[in-house]
Amino acid sequence: MDNITSLCVFCGSQVGDNPAFSAVARELGTEMAARNIRLVYGAGNIGIMGILADEVAKNGGKITGIIPEFLDQREVGRKESDEFIVTTSMHDRKAKMFEASDAFISLPGGLGTLDETFEIMTWRQLGLHDKPIIILDVDGYWQPLIGLINATIERGFASKSAHELYTVVNSIDGIFDALKGAAPSITETQINRL
């Protein structure tokens, strides 16, 4: 994991219905700061996103927030980030988050989190990158997603190798165990194909 210096975290702009979602965001933020791993995220100051960023900052960690202009205009951006990037579109935001990150983590979240998670998985399936993707399954939150992926395999729309695109863990320690020995690999040609 020596090569992992930045983690992109996809997560909700709401807090959800279980205090465990906020608690795990705090725990992850504390751990990232302690390990000197930069947070790359959607720059929100609300929901789990805000909780995570606040915890990273409170513990002396570094933050890169990336937000599209129209969301920044709604005043939901956390401008106190070490690096605050405003993009022209959602697609540009995701591409910049990708470029700035060595690996990806999905915490509980809504439709935006689903979109980001599926897109980064799809890019990996297409061979555009081989960066680790980790899904943190808090209180069974991601079980319906895992079931859906299993259904696409069972119904002949994906191969069993789809399971190799991501790792599911249920603890913060599990994230860092999954990252041990992971070496991000990306070429300029692959970035240009996004």
Protein backbone atom coordinates (compact mmCIF):
# COMPACT_ATOMS: atom_id res chain seq x y z
CA MET A 1 0.00 0.00 0.00
CA ASP A 2 3.05 2.26 -0.09
CA ASN A 3 1.93 3.45 -3.51
CA ILE A 4 -1.53 4.54 -2.31
CA THR A 5 -1.30 8.23 -1.49
CA SER A 6 -4.83 9.31 -2.41
CA LEU A 7 -8.23 7.68 -2.12
CA CYS A 8 -11.35 8.78 -3.92
CA VAL A 9 -14.37 8.25 -1.70
CA PHE A 10 -17.84 8.12 -3.22
CA CYS A 11 -20.52 8.74 -0.59
CA GLY A 12 -23.84 10.37 0.15
CA SER A 13 -24.86 14.00 0.39
CA GLN A 14 -27.35 12.78 3.02
CA VAL A 15 -26.64 10.92 6.26
CA GLY A 16 -29.08 8.07 5.72
CA ASP A 17 -31.19 6.22 8.24
CA ASN A 18 -28.46 4.60 10.33
CA PRO A 19 -25.95 6.42 12.59
CA ALA A 20 -23.42 3.75 11.59
CA PHE A 21 -23.09 5.45 8.18
CA SER A 22 -21.85 8.69 9.75
CA ALA A 23 -19.71 6.81 12.26
CA VAL A 24 -17.87 4.90 9.53
CA ALA A 25 -17.25 8.14 7.62
CA ARG A 26 -15.66 9.63 10.74
CA GLU A 27 -13.55 6.53 11.30
CA LEU A 28 -12.37 6.49 7.68
CA GLY A 29 -11.48 10.19 7.80
CA THR A 30 -9.44 9.71 10.97
CA GLU A 31 -7.62 6.71 9.51
CA MET A 32 -6.86 8.40 6.18
CA ALA A 33 -5.34 11.39 7.96
CA ALA A 34 -3.29 9.12 10.25
CA ARG A 35 -1.94 7.27 7.20
CA ASN A 36 -1.21 10.50 5.32
CA ILE A 37 -3.60 9.53 2.50
CA ARG A 38 -5.24 12.42 0.66
CA LEU A 39 -9.02 12.42 0.39
CA VAL A 40 -10.36 13.01 -3.11
CA TYR A 41 -14.12 13.47 -3.10
CA GLY A 42 -17.07 15.37 -4.52
CA ALA A 43 -16.35 18.51 -2.43
CA GLY A 44 -19.67 18.51 -0.59
CA ASN A 45 -20.01 19.99 2.88
CA ILE A 46 -23.24 18.11 3.58
CA GLY A 47 -24.21 14.55 4.46
CA ILE A 48 -21.63 11.80 4.80
CA MET A 49 -19.38 13.73 2.39
CA GLY A 50 -19.17 16.64 4.79
CA ILE A 51 -18.66 14.43 7.81
CA LEU A 52 -15.81 12.57 6.10
CA ALA A 53 -14.05 15.76 4.95
CA ASP A 54 -14.45 17.41 8.35
CA GLU A 55 -12.83 14.42 10.04
CA VAL A 56 -9.90 14.33 7.59
CA ALA A 57 -9.31 18.07 8.12
CA LYS A 58 -9.72 17.87 11.91
CA ASN A 59 -6.98 15.25 12.02
CA GLY A 60 -4.55 17.17 9.81
CA GLY A 61 -5.18 15.29 6.56
CA LYS A 62 -5.20 16.69 3.03
CA ILE A 63 -8.33 17.10 0.91
CA THR A 64 -8.98 17.56 -2.79
CA GLY A 65 -12.60 18.50 -3.44
CA ILE A 66 -13.94 18.41 -6.99
CA ILE A 67 -17.37 19.85 -7.76
CA PRO A 68 -19.26 20.90 -10.88
CA GLU A 69 -20.02 24.60 -11.18
CA PHE A 70 -23.79 24.25 -10.88
CA LEU A 71 -23.49 22.45 -7.53
CA ASP A 72 -20.95 24.96 -6.27
CA GLN A 73 -23.43 27.73 -7.08
CA ARG A 74 -25.93 26.03 -4.76
CA GLU A 75 -23.37 26.63 -1.99
CA VAL A 76 -22.87 22.98 -1.12
CA GLY A 77 -19.12 23.03 -1.83
CA ARG A 78 -16.56 22.76 0.98
CA LYS A 79 -14.20 25.53 -0.06
CA GLU A 80 -11.91 24.91 2.94
CA SER A 81 -10.31 21.98 1.09
CA ASP A 82 -6.56 22.09 0.42
CA GLU A 83 -7.43 21.90 -3.25
CA PHE A 84 -10.89 22.98 -4.45
CA ILE A 85 -11.55 22.31 -8.13
CA VAL A 86 -14.67 23.51 -9.96
CA THR A 87 -15.50 21.67 -13.20
CA THR A 88 -17.86 22.45 -16.05
CA SER A 89 -19.80 19.17 -15.87
CA MET A 90 -20.46 16.03 -13.87
CA HIS A 91 -18.49 13.99 -16.39
CA ASP A 92 -15.48 16.30 -16.08
CA ARG A 93 -15.76 16.03 -12.29
CA LYS A 94 -15.60 12.22 -12.43
CA ALA A 95 -12.66 12.28 -14.83
CA LYS A 96 -10.71 14.66 -12.56
CA MET A 97 -11.56 12.57 -9.48
CA PHE A 98 -10.25 9.53 -11.34
CA GLU A 99 -7.01 11.24 -12.36
CA ALA A 100 -6.31 12.44 -8.79
CA SER A 101 -6.86 9.04 -7.13
CA ASP A 102 -4.92 5.82 -6.61
CA ALA A 103 -7.97 3.79 -5.53
CA PHE A 104 -11.72 4.14 -4.92
CA ILE A 105 -13.99 3.48 -1.96
CA SER A 106 -17.77 3.48 -1.99
CA LEU A 107 -19.51 4.28 1.29
CA PRO A 108 -23.31 4.31 1.57
CA GLY A 109 -24.88 6.93 -0.67
CA GLY A 110 -27.62 7.66 -3.15
CA LEU A 111 -28.02 7.68 -6.91
CA GLY A 112 -24.89 9.78 -7.44
CA THR A 113 -22.82 7.28 -5.45
CA LEU A 114 -24.30 4.43 -7.48
CA ASP A 115 -23.47 6.26 -10.71
CA GLU A 116 -19.88 6.90 -9.65
CA THR A 117 -19.40 3.33 -8.43
CA PHE A 118 -20.78 1.74 -11.58
CA GLU A 119 -18.87 4.07 -13.88
CA ILE A 120 -15.51 3.42 -12.23
CA MET A 121 -16.24 -0.34 -12.32
CA THR A 122 -17.17 -0.12 -15.99
CA TRP A 123 -13.97 1.78 -16.80
CA ARG A 124 -12.03 -1.01 -15.09
CA GLN A 125 -13.96 -3.70 -16.96
CA LEU A 126 -13.11 -1.94 -20.24
CA GLY A 127 -9.41 -1.93 -19.34
CA LEU A 128 -9.17 1.83 -18.89
CA HIS A 129 -7.58 1.36 -15.46
CA ASP A 130 -6.65 -1.24 -12.88
CA LYS A 131 -7.01 0.83 -9.73
CA PRO A 132 -8.55 -0.92 -6.71
CA ILE A 133 -12.29 -0.43 -6.10
CA ILE A 134 -13.52 -1.18 -2.59
CA ILE A 135 -17.13 -1.24 -1.46
CA LEU A 136 -17.60 -0.74 2.29
CA ASP A 137 -20.76 -2.64 3.17
CA VAL A 138 -22.05 -0.97 6.33
CA ASP A 139 -25.03 -2.73 7.94
CA GLY A 140 -25.73 -4.64 4.71
CA TYR A 141 -26.31 -1.41 2.77
CA TRP A 142 -24.67 -2.67 -0.43
CA GLN A 143 -26.22 -6.17 -0.44
CA PRO A 144 -28.88 -5.19 -3.02
CA LEU A 145 -26.09 -3.91 -5.31
CA ILE A 146 -24.13 -7.15 -4.90
CA GLY A 147 -27.35 -9.05 -5.64
CA LEU A 148 -27.88 -7.02 -8.82
CA ILE A 149 -24.34 -7.71 -10.02
CA ASN A 150 -24.85 -11.41 -9.27
CA ALA A 151 -28.09 -11.32 -11.28
CA THR A 152 -26.32 -9.82 -14.31
CA ILE A 153 -23.86 -12.72 -14.15
CA GLU A 154 -26.54 -15.39 -13.62
CA ARG A 155 -28.67 -14.02 -16.46
CA GLY A 156 -25.78 -13.99 -18.93
CA PHE A 157 -25.10 -10.25 -19.17
CA ALA A 158 -21.74 -10.33 -17.40
CA SER A 159 -19.04 -12.93 -16.85
CA LYS A 160 -18.00 -14.26 -13.46
CA SER A 161 -14.89 -12.11 -13.80
CA ALA A 162 -17.09 -9.10 -12.94
CA HIS A 163 -16.53 -10.07 -9.30
CA GLU A 164 -12.83 -9.30 -9.78
CA LEU A 165 -13.57 -5.64 -10.53
CA TYR A 166 -14.21 -4.77 -6.88
CA THR A 167 -13.69 -5.94 -3.32
CA VAL A 168 -16.42 -5.86 -0.67
CA VAL A 169 -15.37 -5.27 2.95
CA ASN A 170 -17.32 -4.53 6.11
CA SER A 171 -14.82 -2.54 8.18
CA ILE A 172 -12.28 0.27 7.90
CA ASP A 173 -9.52 -2.26 8.63
CA GLY A 174 -10.88 -4.29 5.72
CA ILE A 175 -10.32 -1.36 3.37
CA PHE A 176 -6.65 -1.06 4.25
CA ASP A 177 -6.16 -4.84 4.24
CA ALA A 178 -7.59 -4.90 0.69
CA LEU A 179 -5.21 -2.12 -0.36
CA LYS A 180 -2.08 -3.90 0.92
CA GLY A 181 0.18 -4.59 -1.99
CA ALA A 182 -2.17 -2.84 -4.40
CA ALA A 183 -0.21 -0.93 -7.00
CA PRO A 184 -2.21 1.54 -9.06
CA SER A 185 -1.45 1.31 -12.75
CA ILE A 186 -2.58 3.86 -15.28
CA THR A 187 -1.07 5.15 -18.48
CA GLU A 188 -1.50 8.51 -20.18
CA THR A 189 -3.15 6.68 -23.08
CA GLN A 190 -5.74 5.23 -20.72
CA ILE A 191 -6.49 8.64 -19.19
CA ASN A 192 -6.99 10.09 -22.66
CA ARG A 193 -9.51 7.35 -23.51
CA LEU A 194 -11.85 8.28 -20.64
